Amino acid sequence: MQTQAARKGERPGTGEWVGRIEVDLRNARDWSIGILELELAPETVTARFGSRALAVIDREQLREWVIHPRGTRLAVDDLVWSAQYGSTYVAIGCTTEYRLGDSSVRELTAVV
């Protein structure tokens, strides 16, 4: 994953992180199939895959789900987040679920 330092930062005076991260999506063979870009704003997270905007997610809702998925799914617009067998997955539209790379999950958890 490329360095994200130039696209990260805290919102002045809040301690809240805003910026963009790239989430590595992996198929069942553990091959990278692409990057899901997440742009974190104070209230929302916008998800894009390639040039396609997929979802605008309430940041607090995503934060709660990422920290405590409890076997539930989080469906927002064209994304469905799920957790199974200790891994985090995302489905784009009605397609196959893709696993998030471990380092991507750690980074998402740290910034959301």
N, C-alpha and C. Protein backbone atom coordinates (compact mmCIF):
# COMPACT_ATOMS: atom_id res chain seq x y z
N MET A 1 0.85 -1.17 0.00
CA MET A 1 0.00 0.00 0.00
C MET A 1 0.89 1.23 0.00
N GLN A 2 0.52 2.20 -0.79
CA GLN A 2 1.34 3.41 -0.86
C GLN A 2 1.16 4.24 0.41
N THR A 3 2.13 5.12 0.65
CA THR A 3 2.06 5.96 1.84
C THR A 3 0.87 6.90 1.77
N GLN A 4 0.23 7.07 2.88
CA GLN A 4 -0.97 7.90 2.94
C GLN A 4 -0.72 9.24 3.62
N ALA A 5 0.51 9.49 4.07
CA ALA A 5 0.81 10.65 4.91
C ALA A 5 0.33 11.97 4.31
N ALA A 6 0.43 12.13 3.00
CA ALA A 6 0.06 13.40 2.39
C ALA A 6 -1.45 13.61 2.37
N ARG A 7 -2.22 12.55 2.59
CA ARG A 7 -3.67 12.67 2.50
C ARG A 7 -4.35 12.50 3.85
N LYS A 8 -3.59 12.53 4.92
CA LYS A 8 -4.16 12.33 6.23
C LYS A 8 -4.00 13.57 7.09
N GLY A 9 -4.86 13.72 8.06
CA GLY A 9 -4.70 14.81 9.00
C GLY A 9 -5.81 14.84 10.01
N GLU A 10 -5.59 15.61 11.05
CA GLU A 10 -6.62 15.79 12.05
C GLU A 10 -7.31 17.12 11.81
N ARG A 11 -8.59 17.14 12.09
CA ARG A 11 -9.32 18.38 12.01
C ARG A 11 -8.88 19.25 13.18
N PRO A 12 -8.43 20.46 12.92
CA PRO A 12 -7.89 21.31 13.99
C PRO A 12 -8.85 21.44 15.17
N GLY A 13 -8.28 21.23 16.37
CA GLY A 13 -9.03 21.43 17.59
C GLY A 13 -9.97 20.30 17.99
N THR A 14 -10.08 19.25 17.18
CA THR A 14 -11.05 18.20 17.50
C THR A 14 -10.38 16.87 17.84
N GLY A 15 -9.18 16.64 17.36
CA GLY A 15 -8.54 15.35 17.53
C GLY A 15 -9.16 14.29 16.64
N GLU A 16 -10.09 14.69 15.78
CA GLU A 16 -10.77 13.77 14.87
C GLU A 16 -10.01 13.71 13.55
N TRP A 17 -9.76 12.50 13.10
CA TRP A 17 -8.99 12.30 11.88
C TRP A 17 -9.88 12.48 10.66
N VAL A 18 -9.40 13.24 9.68
CA VAL A 18 -10.08 13.38 8.39
C VAL A 18 -9.07 13.13 7.29
N GLY A 19 -9.52 12.61 6.18
CA GLY A 19 -8.64 12.34 5.05
C GLY A 19 -9.10 11.12 4.29
N ARG A 20 -8.19 10.56 3.49
CA ARG A 20 -8.52 9.40 2.65
C ARG A 20 -7.63 8.23 3.01
N ILE A 21 -8.22 7.04 2.94
CA ILE A 21 -7.43 5.82 3.06
C ILE A 21 -7.81 4.90 1.90
N GLU A 22 -6.90 4.01 1.57
CA GLU A 22 -7.14 3.02 0.54
C GLU A 22 -7.23 1.66 1.20
N VAL A 23 -8.34 0.97 0.95
CA VAL A 23 -8.60 -0.33 1.55
C VAL A 23 -8.38 -1.39 0.47
N ASP A 24 -7.47 -2.32 0.75
CA ASP A 24 -7.14 -3.40 -0.18
C ASP A 24 -8.22 -4.47 -0.13
N LEU A 25 -8.89 -4.73 -1.26
CA LEU A 25 -9.91 -5.77 -1.34
C LEU A 25 -9.29 -7.03 -1.93
N ARG A 26 -9.56 -8.20 -1.31
CA ARG A 26 -8.92 -9.46 -1.70
C ARG A 26 -9.99 -10.50 -2.01
N ASN A 27 -9.73 -11.34 -3.01
CA ASN A 27 -10.69 -12.38 -3.36
C ASN A 27 -10.43 -13.64 -2.53
N ALA A 28 -11.16 -14.72 -2.83
CA ALA A 28 -11.05 -15.96 -2.05
C ALA A 28 -9.66 -16.59 -2.15
N ARG A 29 -8.91 -16.29 -3.20
CA ARG A 29 -7.54 -16.81 -3.34
C ARG A 29 -6.52 -15.88 -2.71
N ASP A 30 -6.99 -14.83 -2.04
CA ASP A 30 -6.16 -13.83 -1.38
C ASP A 30 -5.38 -12.98 -2.38
N TRP A 31 -5.95 -12.81 -3.57
CA TRP A 31 -5.36 -11.92 -4.58
C TRP A 31 -6.03 -10.56 -4.45
N SER A 32 -5.25 -9.51 -4.57
CA SER A 32 -5.80 -8.17 -4.54
C SER A 32 -6.62 -7.94 -5.81
N ILE A 33 -7.87 -7.50 -5.64
CA ILE A 33 -8.72 -7.24 -6.81
C ILE A 33 -8.92 -5.76 -7.05
N GLY A 34 -8.45 -4.94 -6.12
CA GLY A 34 -8.60 -3.50 -6.29
C GLY A 34 -8.60 -2.77 -4.97
N ILE A 35 -8.77 -1.49 -5.07
CA ILE A 35 -8.71 -0.60 -3.91
C ILE A 35 -10.07 0.08 -3.73
N LEU A 36 -10.59 0.00 -2.52
CA LEU A 36 -11.76 0.75 -2.12
C LEU A 36 -11.25 2.00 -1.43
N GLU A 37 -11.56 3.16 -1.96
CA GLU A 37 -11.10 4.41 -1.37
C GLU A 37 -12.17 4.95 -0.43
N LEU A 38 -11.76 5.26 0.79
CA LEU A 38 -12.66 5.82 1.78
C LEU A 38 -12.21 7.22 2.13
N GLU A 39 -13.10 8.19 1.96
CA GLU A 39 -12.81 9.57 2.31
C GLU A 39 -13.58 9.90 3.58
N LEU A 40 -12.82 10.12 4.66
CA LEU A 40 -13.43 10.37 5.97
C LEU A 40 -13.56 11.86 6.21
N ALA A 41 -14.80 12.30 6.36
CA ALA A 41 -15.12 13.68 6.71
C ALA A 41 -15.65 13.65 8.15
N PRO A 42 -15.86 14.81 8.76
CA PRO A 42 -16.31 14.81 10.16
C PRO A 42 -17.58 14.00 10.42
N GLU A 43 -18.54 14.02 9.52
CA GLU A 43 -19.82 13.35 9.75
C GLU A 43 -20.04 12.12 8.89
N THR A 44 -19.32 12.02 7.77
CA THR A 44 -19.60 10.96 6.80
C THR A 44 -18.32 10.29 6.32
N VAL A 45 -18.51 9.12 5.69
CA VAL A 45 -17.43 8.42 5.00
C VAL A 45 -17.96 8.12 3.60
N THR A 46 -17.26 8.60 2.59
CA THR A 46 -17.65 8.35 1.21
C THR A 46 -16.78 7.24 0.65
N ALA A 47 -17.42 6.22 0.09
CA ALA A 47 -16.70 5.07 -0.46
C ALA A 47 -16.74 5.13 -1.98
N ARG A 48 -15.56 4.90 -2.60
CA ARG A 48 -15.44 4.89 -4.06
C ARG A 48 -14.64 3.66 -4.49
N PHE A 49 -15.02 3.09 -5.60
CA PHE A 49 -14.27 2.00 -6.21
C PHE A 49 -14.02 2.42 -7.65
N GLY A 50 -12.76 2.67 -7.98
CA GLY A 50 -12.46 3.25 -9.29
C GLY A 50 -13.06 4.63 -9.36
N SER A 51 -13.79 4.91 -10.43
CA SER A 51 -14.41 6.23 -10.58
C SER A 51 -15.84 6.25 -10.05
N ARG A 52 -16.29 5.15 -9.51
CA ARG A 52 -17.69 5.01 -9.08
C ARG A 52 -17.86 5.31 -7.58
N ALA A 53 -18.72 6.26 -7.27
CA ALA A 53 -19.08 6.52 -5.87
C ALA A 53 -20.10 5.46 -5.47
N LEU A 54 -19.81 4.73 -4.39
CA LEU A 54 -20.66 3.61 -3.99
C LEU A 54 -21.60 3.93 -2.83
N ALA A 55 -21.11 4.71 -1.87
CA ALA A 55 -21.92 4.94 -0.68
C ALA A 55 -21.44 6.16 0.07
N VAL A 56 -22.37 6.79 0.77
CA VAL A 56 -22.06 7.83 1.75
C VAL A 56 -22.60 7.29 3.07
N ILE A 57 -21.69 6.99 3.98
CA ILE A 57 -22.00 6.30 5.22
C ILE A 57 -21.88 7.26 6.39
N ASP A 58 -22.81 7.19 7.31
CA ASP A 58 -22.71 7.95 8.55
C ASP A 58 -21.46 7.47 9.28
N ARG A 59 -20.56 8.38 9.60
CA ARG A 59 -19.27 8.00 10.20
C ARG A 59 -19.44 7.29 11.54
N GLU A 60 -20.34 7.77 12.37
CA GLU A 60 -20.56 7.13 13.67
C GLU A 60 -21.10 5.71 13.50
N GLN A 61 -21.99 5.53 12.55
CA GLN A 61 -22.55 4.20 12.29
C GLN A 61 -21.46 3.23 11.83
N LEU A 62 -20.59 3.68 10.93
CA LEU A 62 -19.49 2.83 10.47
C LEU A 62 -18.52 2.55 11.61
N ARG A 63 -18.22 3.57 12.41
CA ARG A 63 -17.31 3.39 13.55
C ARG A 63 -17.83 2.30 14.49
N GLU A 64 -19.11 2.39 14.84
CA GLU A 64 -19.69 1.39 15.74
C GLU A 64 -19.63 0.00 15.12
N TRP A 65 -19.93 -0.11 13.83
CA TRP A 65 -19.93 -1.42 13.19
C TRP A 65 -18.51 -1.98 13.12
N VAL A 66 -17.53 -1.17 12.75
CA VAL A 66 -16.15 -1.65 12.63
C VAL A 66 -15.62 -2.12 13.98
N ILE A 67 -15.93 -1.40 15.04
CA ILE A 67 -15.44 -1.77 16.37
C ILE A 67 -16.19 -2.98 16.93
N HIS A 68 -17.50 -3.06 16.69
CA HIS A 68 -18.33 -4.13 17.25
C HIS A 68 -19.26 -4.71 16.17
N PRO A 69 -18.73 -5.47 15.20
CA PRO A 69 -19.60 -5.97 14.13
C PRO A 69 -20.63 -7.01 14.60
N ARG A 70 -20.33 -7.76 15.64
CA ARG A 70 -21.26 -8.72 16.25
C ARG A 70 -21.99 -9.60 15.24
N GLY A 71 -21.34 -10.00 14.15
CA GLY A 71 -21.95 -10.89 13.18
C GLY A 71 -23.05 -10.28 12.35
N THR A 72 -23.21 -8.96 12.43
CA THR A 72 -24.25 -8.28 11.66
C THR A 72 -23.70 -7.79 10.33
N ARG A 73 -24.59 -7.34 9.49
CA ARG A 73 -24.20 -6.70 8.23
C ARG A 73 -24.57 -5.22 8.31
N LEU A 74 -23.78 -4.42 7.62
CA LEU A 74 -24.08 -2.99 7.52
C LEU A 74 -24.24 -2.69 6.03
N ALA A 75 -25.48 -2.48 5.60
CA ALA A 75 -25.77 -2.21 4.19
C ALA A 75 -26.07 -0.73 4.03
N VAL A 76 -25.30 -0.07 3.16
CA VAL A 76 -25.50 1.35 2.88
C VAL A 76 -25.28 1.56 1.39
N ASP A 77 -26.30 2.06 0.71
CA ASP A 77 -26.24 2.31 -0.73
C ASP A 77 -25.77 1.06 -1.45
N ASP A 78 -24.64 1.10 -2.17
CA ASP A 78 -24.17 -0.04 -2.94
C ASP A 78 -23.09 -0.87 -2.23
N LEU A 79 -22.95 -0.72 -0.92
CA LEU A 79 -21.98 -1.50 -0.16
C LEU A 79 -22.67 -2.29 0.94
N VAL A 80 -22.16 -3.50 1.18
CA VAL A 80 -22.61 -4.30 2.31
C VAL A 80 -21.36 -4.77 3.05
N TRP A 81 -21.20 -4.32 4.30
CA TRP A 81 -20.09 -4.72 5.15
C TRP A 81 -20.52 -5.93 5.96
N SER A 82 -19.61 -6.89 6.15
CA SER A 82 -19.93 -8.04 7.00
C SER A 82 -18.65 -8.53 7.67
N ALA A 83 -18.84 -9.30 8.72
CA ALA A 83 -17.71 -9.89 9.44
C ALA A 83 -18.00 -11.38 9.61
N GLN A 84 -17.03 -12.21 9.22
CA GLN A 84 -17.18 -13.65 9.32
C GLN A 84 -15.84 -14.27 9.65
N TYR A 85 -15.86 -15.21 10.57
CA TYR A 85 -14.66 -15.99 10.88
C TYR A 85 -13.44 -15.11 11.17
N GLY A 86 -13.65 -13.99 11.84
CA GLY A 86 -12.55 -13.12 12.22
C GLY A 86 -12.04 -12.21 11.12
N SER A 87 -12.71 -12.17 9.98
CA SER A 87 -12.31 -11.30 8.87
C SER A 87 -13.43 -10.33 8.54
N THR A 88 -13.06 -9.21 7.92
CA THR A 88 -14.03 -8.19 7.51
C THR A 88 -14.17 -8.25 6.00
N TYR A 89 -15.41 -8.19 5.52
CA TYR A 89 -15.71 -8.29 4.10
C TYR A 89 -16.56 -7.11 3.66
N VAL A 90 -16.50 -6.84 2.35
CA VAL A 90 -17.38 -5.85 1.76
C VAL A 90 -17.84 -6.39 0.41
N ALA A 91 -19.14 -6.22 0.14
CA ALA A 91 -19.70 -6.58 -1.16
C ALA A 91 -20.10 -5.29 -1.86
N ILE A 92 -19.75 -5.22 -3.13
CA ILE A 92 -20.10 -4.05 -3.93
C ILE A 92 -21.31 -4.43 -4.77
N GLY A 93 -22.42 -3.76 -4.53
CA GLY A 93 -23.65 -4.13 -5.21
C GLY A 93 -24.06 -5.54 -4.79
N CYS A 94 -24.43 -6.34 -5.74
CA CYS A 94 -24.86 -7.72 -5.45
C CYS A 94 -23.79 -8.73 -5.82
N THR A 95 -22.54 -8.32 -5.80
CA THR A 95 -21.46 -9.21 -6.22
C THR A 95 -20.89 -10.00 -5.04
N THR A 96 -19.88 -10.75 -5.33
CA THR A 96 -19.17 -11.52 -4.33
C THR A 96 -18.61 -10.62 -3.25
N GLU A 97 -18.51 -11.16 -2.05
CA GLU A 97 -17.88 -10.42 -0.96
C GLU A 97 -16.37 -10.49 -1.11
N TYR A 98 -15.72 -9.38 -0.85
CA TYR A 98 -14.26 -9.31 -0.89
C TYR A 98 -13.74 -9.06 0.52
N ARG A 99 -12.67 -9.75 0.88
CA ARG A 99 -12.08 -9.60 2.20
C ARG A 99 -11.19 -8.37 2.23
N LEU A 100 -11.24 -7.63 3.32
CA LEU A 100 -10.33 -6.51 3.50
C LEU A 100 -9.01 -7.06 4.01
N GLY A 101 -7.91 -6.56 3.45
CA GLY A 101 -6.59 -6.95 3.92
C GLY A 101 -6.42 -6.58 5.38
N ASP A 102 -5.64 -7.37 6.11
CA ASP A 102 -5.46 -7.14 7.55
C ASP A 102 -4.96 -5.74 7.87
N SER A 103 -3.99 -5.25 7.11
CA SER A 103 -3.46 -3.91 7.39
C SER A 103 -4.52 -2.84 7.11
N SER A 104 -5.38 -3.08 6.13
CA SER A 104 -6.46 -2.14 5.84
C SER A 104 -7.46 -2.09 6.99
N VAL A 105 -7.77 -3.24 7.57
CA VAL A 105 -8.71 -3.28 8.70
C VAL A 105 -8.12 -2.52 9.89
N ARG A 106 -6.82 -2.74 10.16
CA ARG A 106 -6.18 -2.02 11.27
C ARG A 106 -6.21 -0.52 11.04
N GLU A 107 -5.91 -0.08 9.82
CA GLU A 107 -5.91 1.35 9.53
C GLU A 107 -7.31 1.94 9.63
N LEU A 108 -8.31 1.24 9.09
CA LEU A 108 -9.69 1.72 9.16
C LEU A 108 -10.13 1.84 10.62
N THR A 109 -9.83 0.84 11.42
CA THR A 109 -10.19 0.87 12.83
C THR A 109 -9.54 2.05 13.55
N ALA A 110 -8.31 2.34 13.20
CA ALA A 110 -7.59 3.43 13.86
C ALA A 110 -8.13 4.81 13.51
N VAL A 111 -8.64 4.99 12.29
CA VAL A 111 -9.02 6.34 11.85
C VAL A 111 -10.51 6.62 11.88
N VAL A 112 -11.33 5.58 11.84
CA VAL A 112 -12.78 5.81 11.75
C VAL A 112 -13.31 6.39 13.05
